[in-house]
Amino acid sequence: MAEDLTRIYDRATFLFENKEYAKAAGLFAQLVAEEPDHLEVRMLLARSYYHSAQLGRAEEVLTAVVGRWPTEAYAHLLLARTLQRSGRAEEGKQHLLLAEAMGLTE
């Protein structure tokens, strides 16, 4: 089973690196279902959703990430950007300020 997950991860990261974000998201979603506490995979899933303009899904994943890992500065930044891109910049402002307070600059 772990070998299958490694293959899925390798394929998903290949797709992500080649800007096939929607396809990558499908594979990362499978991995998150199998390994829900794996932060890196959740962030790659969120980034795949963001880059493929699946902003509602990106928001959902990122909200869960900042709830579980509140000190993950990049998650706050990406959530802010997701909300901005959704036309909800004011909602994202708190996450942008948190990311900056944690030392993440744009």
C-alpha atoms as a PDB file:
ATOM      1  CA  MET A   1       0.000   0.000   0.000  1.00  0.00           C
ATOM      2  CA  ALA A   2       2.784   2.461   0.880  1.00  0.00           C
ATOM      3  CA  GLU A   3       4.401   1.772  -2.500  1.00  0.00           C
ATOM      4  CA  ASP A   4       1.125   2.658  -4.241  1.00  0.00           C
ATOM      5  CA  LEU A   5       0.946   5.919  -2.294  1.00  0.00           C
ATOM      6  CA  THR A   6       4.518   6.728  -3.293  1.00  0.00           C
ATOM      7  CA  ARG A   7       3.655   6.174  -6.948  1.00  0.00           C
ATOM      8  CA  ILE A   8       0.589   8.387  -6.649  1.00  0.00           C
ATOM      9  CA  TYR A   9       2.659  11.076  -4.937  1.00  0.00           C
ATOM     10  CA  ASP A  10       5.340  10.933  -7.625  1.00  0.00           C
ATOM     11  CA  ARG A  11       2.740  11.179 -10.392  1.00  0.00           C
ATOM     12  CA  ALA A  12       0.900  14.019  -8.634  1.00  0.00           C
ATOM     13  CA  THR A  13       4.061  16.051  -8.099  1.00  0.00           C
ATOM     14  CA  PHE A  14       5.069  15.458 -11.737  1.00  0.00           C
ATOM     15  CA  LEU A  15       1.696  16.779 -12.886  1.00  0.00           C
ATOM     16  CA  PHE A  16       1.953  19.745 -10.504  1.00  0.00           C
ATOM     17  CA  GLU A  17       5.436  20.632 -11.732  1.00  0.00           C
ATOM     18  CA  ASN A  18       4.128  20.496 -15.293  1.00  0.00           C
ATOM     19  CA  LYS A  19       1.263  22.847 -14.445  1.00  0.00           C
ATOM     20  CA  GLU A  20      -1.433  20.200 -14.838  1.00  0.00           C
ATOM     21  CA  TYR A  21      -2.994  21.369 -11.620  1.00  0.00           C
ATOM     22  CA  ALA A  22      -6.495  19.917 -11.982  1.00  0.00           C
ATOM     23  CA  LYS A  23      -5.111  16.434 -12.641  1.00  0.00           C
ATOM     24  CA  ALA A  24      -2.631  16.797  -9.790  1.00  0.00           C
ATOM     25  CA  ALA A  25      -5.429  17.853  -7.453  1.00  0.00           C
ATOM     26  CA  GLY A  26      -7.296  14.607  -8.089  1.00  0.00           C
ATOM     27  CA  LEU A  27      -4.263  12.574  -7.077  1.00  0.00           C
ATOM     28  CA  PHE A  28      -3.393  14.756  -4.088  1.00  0.00           C
ATOM     29  CA  ALA A  29      -7.008  14.411  -2.902  1.00  0.00           C
ATOM     30  CA  GLN A  30      -6.556  10.617  -2.920  1.00  0.00           C
ATOM     31  CA  LEU A  31      -3.400  10.980  -0.858  1.00  0.00           C
ATOM     32  CA  VAL A  32      -5.067  13.291   1.667  1.00  0.00           C
ATOM     33  CA  ALA A  33      -7.860  10.732   2.059  1.00  0.00           C
ATOM     34  CA  GLU A  34      -5.229   8.110   2.906  1.00  0.00           C
ATOM     35  CA  GLU A  35      -2.921  10.371   4.960  1.00  0.00           C
ATOM     36  CA  PRO A  36      -5.081  13.173   6.428  1.00  0.00           C
ATOM     37  CA  ASP A  37      -2.353  14.400   8.794  1.00  0.00           C
ATOM     38  CA  HIS A  38       0.275  14.929   6.088  1.00  0.00           C
ATOM     39  CA  LEU A  39       0.735  18.703   5.891  1.00  0.00           C
ATOM     40  CA  GLU A  40       2.868  18.774   2.737  1.00  0.00           C
ATOM     41  CA  VAL A  41       0.299  16.819   0.740  1.00  0.00           C
ATOM     42  CA  ARG A  42      -2.541  19.011   1.995  1.00  0.00           C
ATOM     43  CA  MET A  43      -0.631  22.119   0.935  1.00  0.00           C
ATOM     44  CA  LEU A  44       0.067  20.662  -2.506  1.00  0.00           C
ATOM     45  CA  LEU A  45      -3.634  19.856  -2.809  1.00  0.00           C
ATOM     46  CA  ALA A  46      -4.560  23.420  -1.838  1.00  0.00           C
ATOM     47  CA  ARG A  47      -2.020  24.858  -4.272  1.00  0.00           C
ATOM     48  CA  SER A  48      -3.331  22.598  -7.051  1.00  0.00           C
ATOM     49  CA  TYR A  49      -6.869  23.778  -6.385  1.00  0.00           C
ATOM     50  CA  TYR A  50      -5.728  27.414  -6.278  1.00  0.00           C
ATOM     51  CA  HIS A  51      -3.813  27.217  -9.545  1.00  0.00           C
ATOM     52  CA  SER A  52      -6.668  25.413 -11.296  1.00  0.00           C
ATOM     53  CA  ALA A  53      -9.131  28.104 -10.101  1.00  0.00           C
ATOM     54  CA  GLN A  54     -11.013  25.716  -7.832  1.00  0.00           C
ATOM     55  CA  LEU A  55     -11.088  28.429  -5.212  1.00  0.00           C
ATOM     56  CA  GLY A  56     -13.878  27.007  -3.047  1.00  0.00           C
ATOM     57  CA  ARG A  57     -11.991  23.752  -2.688  1.00  0.00           C
ATOM     58  CA  ALA A  58      -8.731  25.584  -2.021  1.00  0.00           C
ATOM     59  CA  GLU A  59     -10.431  27.615   0.689  1.00  0.00           C
ATOM     60  CA  GLU A  60     -11.854  24.471   2.271  1.00  0.00           C
ATOM     61  CA  VAL A  61      -8.475  22.726   2.404  1.00  0.00           C
ATOM     62  CA  LEU A  62      -6.638  25.815   3.626  1.00  0.00           C
ATOM     63  CA  THR A  63      -9.210  26.529   6.327  1.00  0.00           C
ATOM     64  CA  ALA A  64      -8.698  22.992   7.607  1.00  0.00           C
ATOM     65  CA  VAL A  65      -4.908  23.419   7.453  1.00  0.00           C
ATOM     66  CA  VAL A  66      -4.840  26.673   9.437  1.00  0.00           C
ATOM     67  CA  GLY A  67      -7.244  25.108  11.928  1.00  0.00           C
ATOM     68  CA  ARG A  68      -4.968  22.100  12.441  1.00  0.00           C
ATOM     69  CA  TRP A  69      -1.604  23.887  11.952  1.00  0.00           C
ATOM     70  CA  PRO A  70      -2.218  27.522  12.950  1.00  0.00           C
ATOM     71  CA  THR A  71       1.483  28.420  12.697  1.00  0.00           C
ATOM     72  CA  GLU A  72       1.739  27.404   9.026  1.00  0.00           C
ATOM     73  CA  ALA A  73       2.451  30.854   7.595  1.00  0.00           C
ATOM     74  CA  TYR A  74       2.255  29.843   3.931  1.00  0.00           C
ATOM     75  CA  ALA A  75      -1.228  28.378   4.476  1.00  0.00           C
ATOM     76  CA  HIS A  76      -2.375  31.724   5.862  1.00  0.00           C
ATOM     77  CA  LEU A  77      -0.836  33.547   2.897  1.00  0.00           C
ATOM     78  CA  LEU A  78      -2.400  31.215   0.351  1.00  0.00           C
ATOM     79  CA  LEU A  79      -5.766  31.418   2.113  1.00  0.00           C
ATOM     80  CA  ALA A  80      -5.540  35.221   1.953  1.00  0.00           C
ATOM     81  CA  ARG A  81      -4.725  35.040  -1.760  1.00  0.00           C
ATOM     82  CA  THR A  82      -7.564  32.570  -2.355  1.00  0.00           C
ATOM     83  CA  LEU A  83     -10.061  34.835  -0.646  1.00  0.00           C
ATOM     84  CA  GLN A  84      -8.736  37.850  -2.549  1.00  0.00           C
ATOM     85  CA  ARG A  85      -9.081  36.017  -5.822  1.00  0.00           C
ATOM     86  CA  SER A  86     -12.644  35.107  -4.816  1.00  0.00           C
ATOM     87  CA  GLY A  87     -13.464  38.788  -4.369  1.00  0.00           C
ATOM     88  CA  ARG A  88     -13.343  38.555  -0.575  1.00  0.00           C
ATOM     89  CA  ALA A  89     -10.128  40.447   0.159  1.00  0.00           C
ATOM     90  CA  GLU A  90     -11.415  41.842   3.440  1.00  0.00           C
ATOM     91  CA  GLU A  91     -11.936  38.306   4.794  1.00  0.00           C
ATOM     92  CA  GLY A  92      -8.430  37.379   3.720  1.00  0.00           C
ATOM     93  CA  LYS A  93      -6.803  40.368   5.380  1.00  0.00           C
ATOM     94  CA  GLN A  94      -6.498  38.671   8.781  1.00  0.00           C
ATOM     95  CA  HIS A  95      -4.672  35.725   7.214  1.00  0.00           C
ATOM     96  CA  LEU A  96      -2.337  38.026   5.316  1.00  0.00           C
ATOM     97  CA  LEU A  97      -1.498  39.862   8.541  1.00  0.00           C
ATOM     98  CA  LEU A  98      -0.880  36.568  10.348  1.00  0.00           C
ATOM     99  CA  ALA A  99       1.454  35.367   7.596  1.00  0.00           C
ATOM    100  CA  GLU A 100       3.374  38.639   7.748  1.00  0.00           C
ATOM    101  CA  ALA A 101       3.552  38.469  11.552  1.00  0.00           C
ATOM    102  CA  MET A 102       5.074  34.994  11.202  1.00  0.00           C
ATOM    103  CA  GLY A 103       7.781  36.457   8.997  1.00  0.00           C
ATOM    104  CA  LEU A 104       6.433  35.498   5.590  1.00  0.00           C
ATOM    105  CA  THR A 105       6.713  38.420   3.232  1.00  0.00           C
ATOM    106  CA  GLU A 106       5.351  38.569  -0.265  1.00  0.00           C
END
